[in-house]
Amino acid sequence: MNGSSAEERYRALRAQLRPGVGLIAVSKTRTAAEIMELYALGQRDFGENRVQELIAKAEQLPKDIRWHLIGQLQTNKVRAVLPYVHLIHSVDREKLLDVLEAEAHRLGKKVDVLLERHIASEESKAGLDAAELEAMFTGFEAGRYPSLRLKGLMGMASFTDNEAQIRAEFSGLKREFDQGVERGLGWTELSMGMSSDYLLAMECGSTLIRVGTALFGPRAQPQ
């Protein structure tokens, strides 16, 4: 999979994509030149973990790039990032939803978001538990967030070599996604799968995979 060039890696990974699955190139810490190499091959969706890095790249790089915020978003950074972001994957608390709603309303725009569900065994990973997720569903159903469009769910599986465990975590998230669809929430996106587990994620129903190292290659070690 790790070909000798970005083009080889990109074409190999694109060939693995299942129908209906979108590829987000995770470009955190990557240079503008590295991003432009994939851009020249047709890639338009890029994911960043940090607001300041996303904004700096959005200002510098082509305006038709769709920027995805996949890292935790602090409420004091919401106003800065909203003009640039295409989809926020990591909504993990009610307070953040309230601030997003207020800022989106102020800007007079609709903002697309995913709710981040905690599915991993590691407690250190972010995300909502079942009760918190249900409370947010209820808020959307009650019309509490008219400036936000809830597009679906995001989750990160455990960091483990146990494929059965990863599959179970992804499958559980897919069941919750399907329940949201059945409730008429208008969901279209299930963001799960990274460089180490994107094939399993696609098998379990992911519609967006977030891939960094498998596309860009290993990160350069600091001197």
C-alpha atoms as a PDB file:
ATOM      1  CA  MET A   1       0.000   0.000   0.000  1.00  0.00           C
ATOM      2  CA  ASN A   2       2.827   2.418   0.798  1.00  0.00           C
ATOM      3  CA  GLY A   3       4.044   2.991  -2.740  1.00  0.00           C
ATOM      4  CA  SER A   4       7.143   4.936  -3.511  1.00  0.00           C
ATOM      5  CA  SER A   5       5.264   8.112  -4.371  1.00  0.00           C
ATOM      6  CA  ALA A   6       2.220  10.043  -3.234  1.00  0.00           C
ATOM      7  CA  GLU A   7       0.587   9.391  -6.592  1.00  0.00           C
ATOM      8  CA  GLU A   8       1.007   5.625  -6.252  1.00  0.00           C
ATOM      9  CA  ARG A   9      -0.375   5.644  -2.716  1.00  0.00           C
ATOM     10  CA  TYR A  10      -3.279   7.862  -3.728  1.00  0.00           C
ATOM     11  CA  ARG A  11      -4.276   5.802  -6.752  1.00  0.00           C
ATOM     12  CA  ALA A  12      -3.973   2.546  -4.798  1.00  0.00           C
ATOM     13  CA  LEU A  13      -6.183   3.840  -2.018  1.00  0.00           C
ATOM     14  CA  ARG A  14      -8.758   5.315  -4.419  1.00  0.00           C
ATOM     15  CA  ALA A  15      -8.984   1.901  -6.066  1.00  0.00           C
ATOM     16  CA  GLN A  16      -9.910   0.390  -2.688  1.00  0.00           C
ATOM     17  CA  LEU A  17     -12.774   2.808  -2.008  1.00  0.00           C
ATOM     18  CA  ARG A  18     -16.204   1.246  -1.924  1.00  0.00           C
ATOM     19  CA  PRO A  19     -19.027   2.983  -3.826  1.00  0.00           C
ATOM     20  CA  GLY A  20     -20.365   5.927  -1.858  1.00  0.00           C
ATOM     21  CA  VAL A  21     -17.309   6.283   0.394  1.00  0.00           C
ATOM     22  CA  GLY A  22     -15.569   9.655   0.517  1.00  0.00           C
ATOM     23  CA  LEU A  23     -11.847  10.056   1.178  1.00  0.00           C
ATOM     24  CA  ILE A  24     -10.589  12.747   3.549  1.00  0.00           C
ATOM     25  CA  ALA A  25      -6.843  13.256   3.323  1.00  0.00           C
ATOM     26  CA  VAL A  26      -5.648  14.033   6.852  1.00  0.00           C
ATOM     27  CA  SER A  27      -3.154  16.797   6.254  1.00  0.00           C
ATOM     28  CA  LYS A  28      -2.213  17.834   9.799  1.00  0.00           C
ATOM     29  CA  THR A  29       1.479  18.872   9.946  1.00  0.00           C
ATOM     30  CA  ARG A  30       1.781  18.344   6.186  1.00  0.00           C
ATOM     31  CA  THR A  31       3.202  21.096   4.008  1.00  0.00           C
ATOM     32  CA  ALA A  32       1.347  23.045   1.360  1.00  0.00           C
ATOM     33  CA  ALA A  33       3.472  21.311  -1.274  1.00  0.00           C
ATOM     34  CA  GLU A  34       2.406  17.866  -0.012  1.00  0.00           C
ATOM     35  CA  ILE A  35      -1.253  18.907  -0.054  1.00  0.00           C
ATOM     36  CA  MET A  36      -0.944  20.360  -3.547  1.00  0.00           C
ATOM     37  CA  GLU A  37       0.522  17.087  -4.801  1.00  0.00           C
ATOM     38  CA  LEU A  38      -2.738  15.325  -3.902  1.00  0.00           C
ATOM     39  CA  TYR A  39      -4.797  18.311  -5.046  1.00  0.00           C
ATOM     40  CA  ALA A  40      -3.233  17.984  -8.501  1.00  0.00           C
ATOM     41  CA  LEU A  41      -4.441  14.363  -8.571  1.00  0.00           C
ATOM     42  CA  GLY A  42      -8.011  15.466  -7.893  1.00  0.00           C
ATOM     43  CA  GLN A  43      -8.273  15.290  -4.092  1.00  0.00           C
ATOM     44  CA  ARG A  44     -10.438  18.066  -2.644  1.00  0.00           C
ATOM     45  CA  ASP A  45     -11.319  16.958   0.902  1.00  0.00           C
ATOM     46  CA  PHE A  46      -8.631  17.516   3.541  1.00  0.00           C
ATOM     47  CA  GLY A  47      -8.822  17.065   7.310  1.00  0.00           C
ATOM     48  CA  GLU A  48      -7.117  19.092  10.002  1.00  0.00           C
ATOM     49  CA  ASN A  49      -6.944  18.636  13.777  1.00  0.00           C
ATOM     50  CA  ARG A  50      -6.106  22.191  14.789  1.00  0.00           C
ATOM     51  CA  VAL A  51      -8.101  25.296  13.998  1.00  0.00           C
ATOM     52  CA  GLN A  52      -5.103  27.580  13.489  1.00  0.00           C
ATOM     53  CA  GLU A  53      -3.461  25.169  11.062  1.00  0.00           C
ATOM     54  CA  LEU A  54      -6.704  24.748   9.124  1.00  0.00           C
ATOM     55  CA  ILE A  55      -7.179  28.506   8.799  1.00  0.00           C
ATOM     56  CA  ALA A  56      -3.574  29.120   7.729  1.00  0.00           C
ATOM     57  CA  LYS A  57      -3.791  26.472   5.003  1.00  0.00           C
ATOM     58  CA  ALA A  58      -7.228  27.613   3.858  1.00  0.00           C
ATOM     59  CA  GLU A  59      -5.883  31.141   3.386  1.00  0.00           C
ATOM     60  CA  GLN A  60      -2.900  29.894   1.388  1.00  0.00           C
ATOM     61  CA  LEU A  61      -4.324  27.047  -0.716  1.00  0.00           C
ATOM     62  CA  PRO A  62      -6.993  26.827  -3.451  1.00  0.00           C
ATOM     63  CA  LYS A  63     -10.452  27.941  -2.404  1.00  0.00           C
ATOM     64  CA  ASP A  64     -12.237  24.870  -3.747  1.00  0.00           C
ATOM     65  CA  ILE A  65     -10.635  22.655  -1.101  1.00  0.00           C
ATOM     66  CA  ARG A  66     -13.208  21.331   1.375  1.00  0.00           C
ATOM     67  CA  TRP A  67     -11.704  21.546   4.856  1.00  0.00           C
ATOM     68  CA  HIS A  68     -12.846  19.087   7.528  1.00  0.00           C
ATOM     69  CA  LEU A  69     -12.161  19.726  11.212  1.00  0.00           C
ATOM     70  CA  ILE A  70     -11.545  16.308  12.743  1.00  0.00           C
ATOM     71  CA  GLY A  71      -9.851  17.330  16.009  1.00  0.00           C
ATOM     72  CA  GLN A  72     -11.469  18.605  19.179  1.00  0.00           C
ATOM     73  CA  LEU A  73     -12.929  22.091  18.792  1.00  0.00           C
ATOM     74  CA  GLN A  74     -12.722  24.554  21.669  1.00  0.00           C
ATOM     75  CA  THR A  75     -15.653  26.949  21.991  1.00  0.00           C
ATOM     76  CA  ASN A  76     -13.361  29.986  21.817  1.00  0.00           C
ATOM     77  CA  LYS A  77     -12.177  28.912  18.349  1.00  0.00           C
ATOM     78  CA  VAL A  78     -15.653  28.496  16.815  1.00  0.00           C
ATOM     79  CA  ARG A  79     -15.978  32.038  15.482  1.00  0.00           C
ATOM     80  CA  ALA A  80     -12.568  31.874  13.782  1.00  0.00           C
ATOM     81  CA  VAL A  81     -13.067  28.545  12.017  1.00  0.00           C
ATOM     82  CA  LEU A  82     -16.664  28.744  10.767  1.00  0.00           C
ATOM     83  CA  PRO A  83     -15.905  30.810   7.648  1.00  0.00           C
ATOM     84  CA  TYR A  84     -13.469  28.131   6.447  1.00  0.00           C
ATOM     85  CA  VAL A  85     -14.765  24.734   7.491  1.00  0.00           C
ATOM     86  CA  HIS A  86     -16.852  22.425   5.277  1.00  0.00           C
ATOM     87  CA  LEU A  87     -17.764  19.840   7.926  1.00  0.00           C
ATOM     88  CA  ILE A  88     -17.044  19.610  11.663  1.00  0.00           C
ATOM     89  CA  HIS A  89     -16.646  15.942  12.611  1.00  0.00           C
ATOM     90  CA  SER A  90     -15.903  16.304  16.311  1.00  0.00           C
ATOM     91  CA  VAL A  91     -18.927  17.779  18.107  1.00  0.00           C
ATOM     92  CA  ASP A  92     -18.633  16.103  21.487  1.00  0.00           C
ATOM     93  CA  ARG A  93     -20.589  18.224  23.984  1.00  0.00           C
ATOM     94  CA  GLU A  94     -23.793  20.231  24.237  1.00  0.00           C
ATOM     95  CA  LYS A  95     -22.033  23.509  25.070  1.00  0.00           C
ATOM     96  CA  LEU A  96     -20.175  23.307  21.760  1.00  0.00           C
ATOM     97  CA  LEU A  97     -23.449  22.834  19.886  1.00  0.00           C
ATOM     98  CA  ASP A  98     -24.877  25.931  21.583  1.00  0.00           C
ATOM     99  CA  VAL A  99     -21.873  28.058  20.590  1.00  0.00           C
ATOM    100  CA  LEU A 100     -21.896  26.693  17.030  1.00  0.00           C
ATOM    101  CA  GLU A 101     -25.576  27.546  16.720  1.00  0.00           C
ATOM    102  CA  ALA A 102     -25.057  31.088  17.999  1.00  0.00           C
ATOM    103  CA  GLU A 103     -22.097  31.773  15.687  1.00  0.00           C
ATOM    104  CA  ALA A 104     -23.728  30.188  12.641  1.00  0.00           C
ATOM    105  CA  HIS A 105     -26.824  32.308  13.251  1.00  0.00           C
ATOM    106  CA  ARG A 106     -24.660  35.409  13.590  1.00  0.00           C
ATOM    107  CA  LEU A 107     -23.002  34.637  10.242  1.00  0.00           C
ATOM    108  CA  GLY A 108     -26.338  33.825   8.608  1.00  0.00           C
ATOM    109  CA  LYS A 109     -25.083  30.457   7.367  1.00  0.00           C
ATOM    110  CA  LYS A 110     -25.851  26.782   7.750  1.00  0.00           C
ATOM    111  CA  VAL A 111     -23.052  24.726   9.300  1.00  0.00           C
ATOM    112  CA  ASP A 112     -22.715  20.970   8.763  1.00  0.00           C
ATOM    113  CA  VAL A 113     -21.725  18.911  11.808  1.00  0.00           C
ATOM    114  CA  LEU A 114     -21.254  15.324  12.954  1.00  0.00           C
ATOM    115  CA  LEU A 115     -21.682  14.136  16.527  1.00  0.00           C
ATOM    116  CA  GLU A 116     -18.628  12.291  17.840  1.00  0.00           C
ATOM    117  CA  ARG A 117     -19.578   9.063  19.608  1.00  0.00           C
ATOM    118  CA  HIS A 118     -17.177   7.413  22.066  1.00  0.00           C
ATOM    119  CA  ILE A 119     -16.813   3.820  20.858  1.00  0.00           C
ATOM    120  CA  ALA A 120     -13.227   2.922  21.845  1.00  0.00           C
ATOM    121  CA  SER A 121     -12.060   1.048  24.910  1.00  0.00           C
ATOM    122  CA  GLU A 122      -9.636   3.871  25.768  1.00  0.00           C
ATOM    123  CA  GLU A 123     -11.313   6.356  28.105  1.00  0.00           C
ATOM    124  CA  SER A 124      -8.888   9.032  26.933  1.00  0.00           C
ATOM    125  CA  LYS A 125     -10.581   9.277  23.543  1.00  0.00           C
ATOM    126  CA  ALA A 126     -13.244  11.943  23.145  1.00  0.00           C
ATOM    127  CA  GLY A 127     -16.870  11.407  22.334  1.00  0.00           C
ATOM    128  CA  LEU A 128     -20.424  11.201  23.621  1.00  0.00           C
ATOM    129  CA  ASP A 129     -21.899   8.346  25.591  1.00  0.00           C
ATOM    130  CA  ALA A 130     -25.325   6.921  24.707  1.00  0.00           C
ATOM    131  CA  ALA A 131     -27.271   9.216  27.051  1.00  0.00           C
ATOM    132  CA  GLU A 132     -25.473  12.349  25.829  1.00  0.00           C
ATOM    133  CA  LEU A 133     -26.059  11.325  22.225  1.00  0.00           C
ATOM    134  CA  GLU A 134     -29.778  10.835  22.863  1.00  0.00           C
ATOM    135  CA  ALA A 135     -30.021  14.262  24.508  1.00  0.00           C
ATOM    136  CA  MET A 136     -28.504  15.862  21.428  1.00  0.00           C
ATOM    137  CA  PHE A 137     -30.866  13.943  19.125  1.00  0.00           C
ATOM    138  CA  THR A 138     -33.757  15.331  21.138  1.00  0.00           C
ATOM    139  CA  GLY A 139     -32.403  18.864  20.813  1.00  0.00           C
ATOM    140  CA  PHE A 140     -32.202  18.612  17.039  1.00  0.00           C
ATOM    141  CA  GLU A 141     -35.646  17.039  16.797  1.00  0.00           C
ATOM    142  CA  ALA A 142     -37.041  19.891  18.903  1.00  0.00           C
ATOM    143  CA  GLY A 143     -35.580  22.484  16.509  1.00  0.00           C
ATOM    144  CA  ARG A 144     -33.075  23.841  18.982  1.00  0.00           C
ATOM    145  CA  TYR A 145     -30.312  24.207  16.365  1.00  0.00           C
ATOM    146  CA  PRO A 146     -31.875  25.736  13.239  1.00  0.00           C
ATOM    147  CA  SER A 147     -28.531  26.983  11.891  1.00  0.00           C
ATOM    148  CA  LEU A 148     -26.842  23.576  12.139  1.00  0.00           C
ATOM    149  CA  ARG A 149     -27.297  20.625   9.811  1.00  0.00           C
ATOM    150  CA  LEU A 150     -26.688  17.342  11.587  1.00  0.00           C
ATOM    151  CA  LYS A 151     -25.217  15.087   8.899  1.00  0.00           C
ATOM    152  CA  GLY A 152     -24.457  11.986  10.983  1.00  0.00           C
ATOM    153  CA  LEU A 153     -21.905  10.486  13.360  1.00  0.00           C
ATOM    154  CA  MET A 154     -18.153  10.136  13.775  1.00  0.00           C
ATOM    155  CA  GLY A 155     -16.193   7.637  15.829  1.00  0.00           C
ATOM    156  CA  MET A 156     -12.653   6.371  16.458  1.00  0.00           C
ATOM    157  CA  ALA A 157     -12.105   2.694  17.204  1.00  0.00           C
ATOM    158  CA  SER A 158      -9.715   1.367  19.816  1.00  0.00           C
ATOM    159  CA  PHE A 159      -6.004   1.359  19.018  1.00  0.00           C
ATOM    160  CA  THR A 160      -5.564  -2.399  18.876  1.00  0.00           C
ATOM    161  CA  ASP A 161      -4.601  -5.237  16.550  1.00  0.00           C
ATOM    162  CA  ASN A 162      -7.794  -7.080  17.547  1.00  0.00           C
ATOM    163  CA  GLU A 163      -9.862  -6.891  14.360  1.00  0.00           C
ATOM    164  CA  ALA A 164     -12.891  -8.460  16.036  1.00  0.00           C
ATOM    165  CA  GLN A 165     -12.957  -5.661  18.600  1.00  0.00           C
ATOM    166  CA  ILE A 166     -12.585  -2.946  15.961  1.00  0.00           C
ATOM    167  CA  ARG A 167     -15.317  -4.518  13.838  1.00  0.00           C
ATOM    168  CA  ALA A 168     -17.654  -4.678  16.852  1.00  0.00           C
ATOM    169  CA  GLU A 169     -17.053  -1.006  17.647  1.00  0.00           C
ATOM    170  CA  PHE A 170     -17.642   0.101  14.071  1.00  0.00           C
ATOM    171  CA  SER A 171     -20.716  -2.120  13.720  1.00  0.00           C
ATOM    172  CA  GLY A 172     -22.199  -0.671  16.904  1.00  0.00           C
ATOM    173  CA  LEU A 173     -21.756   2.847  15.579  1.00  0.00           C
ATOM    174  CA  LYS A 174     -23.347   1.830  12.285  1.00  0.00           C
ATOM    175  CA  ARG A 175     -26.409   0.551  14.176  1.00  0.00           C
ATOM    176  CA  GLU A 176     -26.733   3.902  15.960  1.00  0.00           C
ATOM    177  CA  PHE A 177     -26.347   5.696  12.628  1.00  0.00           C
ATOM    178  CA  ASP A 178     -29.128   3.566  11.121  1.00  0.00           C
ATOM    179  CA  GLN A 179     -31.364   4.350  14.094  1.00  0.00           C
ATOM    180  CA  GLY A 180     -30.860   8.051  13.454  1.00  0.00           C
ATOM    181  CA  VAL A 181     -31.768   7.593   9.802  1.00  0.00           C
ATOM    182  CA  GLU A 182     -34.924   5.733  10.844  1.00  0.00           C
ATOM    183  CA  ARG A 183     -35.882   8.648  13.109  1.00  0.00           C
ATOM    184  CA  GLY A 184     -35.867  10.926  10.083  1.00  0.00           C
ATOM    185  CA  LEU A 185     -32.843  12.970  11.119  1.00  0.00           C
ATOM    186  CA  GLY A 186     -31.688  13.241   7.503  1.00  0.00           C
ATOM    187  CA  TRP A 187     -28.292  11.696   8.132  1.00  0.00           C
ATOM    188  CA  THR A 188     -25.992  10.920   5.226  1.00  0.00           C
ATOM    189  CA  GLU A 189     -22.487  10.621   6.731  1.00  0.00           C
ATOM    190  CA  LEU A 190     -20.814   8.081   8.984  1.00  0.00           C
ATOM    191  CA  SER A 191     -17.187   9.112   9.530  1.00  0.00           C
ATOM    192  CA  MET A 192     -15.087   6.193  10.738  1.00  0.00           C
ATOM    193  CA  GLY A 193     -11.835   4.592   9.685  1.00  0.00           C
ATOM    194  CA  MET A 194      -8.247   5.818   9.609  1.00  0.00           C
ATOM    195  CA  SER A 195      -5.005   4.588   8.044  1.00  0.00           C
ATOM    196  CA  SER A 196      -4.866   1.486  10.250  1.00  0.00           C
ATOM    197  CA  ASP A 197      -8.514   0.393   9.991  1.00  0.00           C
ATOM    198  CA  TYR A 198     -10.231   2.047   7.023  1.00  0.00           C
ATOM    199  CA  LEU A 199     -10.836  -1.267   5.223  1.00  0.00           C
ATOM    200  CA  LEU A 200     -12.743  -2.603   8.233  1.00  0.00           C
ATOM    201  CA  ALA A 201     -14.605   0.685   8.541  1.00  0.00           C
ATOM    202  CA  MET A 202     -15.784   0.491   4.938  1.00  0.00           C
ATOM    203  CA  GLU A 203     -16.927  -3.093   5.463  1.00  0.00           C
ATOM    204  CA  CYS A 204     -18.996  -1.876   8.417  1.00  0.00           C
ATOM    205  CA  GLY A 205     -20.680   0.938   6.483  1.00  0.00           C
ATOM    206  CA  SER A 206     -18.479   4.028   6.749  1.00  0.00           C
ATOM    207  CA  THR A 207     -19.227   6.803   4.253  1.00  0.00           C
ATOM    208  CA  LEU A 208     -16.145   8.913   5.091  1.00  0.00           C
ATOM    209  CA  ILE A 209     -12.661   7.605   5.855  1.00  0.00           C
ATOM    210  CA  ARG A 210      -9.968   9.851   7.346  1.00  0.00           C
ATOM    211  CA  VAL A 211      -6.561   8.768   6.042  1.00  0.00           C
ATOM    212  CA  GLY A 212      -3.210  10.432   6.637  1.00  0.00           C
ATOM    213  CA  THR A 213      -0.083   8.267   6.738  1.00  0.00           C
ATOM    214  CA  ALA A 214      -1.374   5.756   4.169  1.00  0.00           C
ATOM    215  CA  LEU A 215      -1.665   8.651   1.711  1.00  0.00           C
ATOM    216  CA  PHE A 216       1.173  10.997   2.568  1.00  0.00           C
ATOM    217  CA  GLY A 217       3.648   8.436   3.876  1.00  0.00           C
ATOM    218  CA  PRO A 218       5.437   8.588   7.248  1.00  0.00           C
ATOM    219  CA  ARG A 219       5.891  12.010   8.768  1.00  0.00           C
ATOM    220  CA  ALA A 220       9.384  13.450   8.722  1.00  0.00           C
ATOM    221  CA  GLN A 221      11.075  13.121  12.109  1.00  0.00           C
ATOM    222  CA  PRO A 222      12.064  16.441  13.708  1.00  0.00           C
ATOM    223  CA  GLN A 223      15.778  17.126  13.694  1.00  0.00           C
END
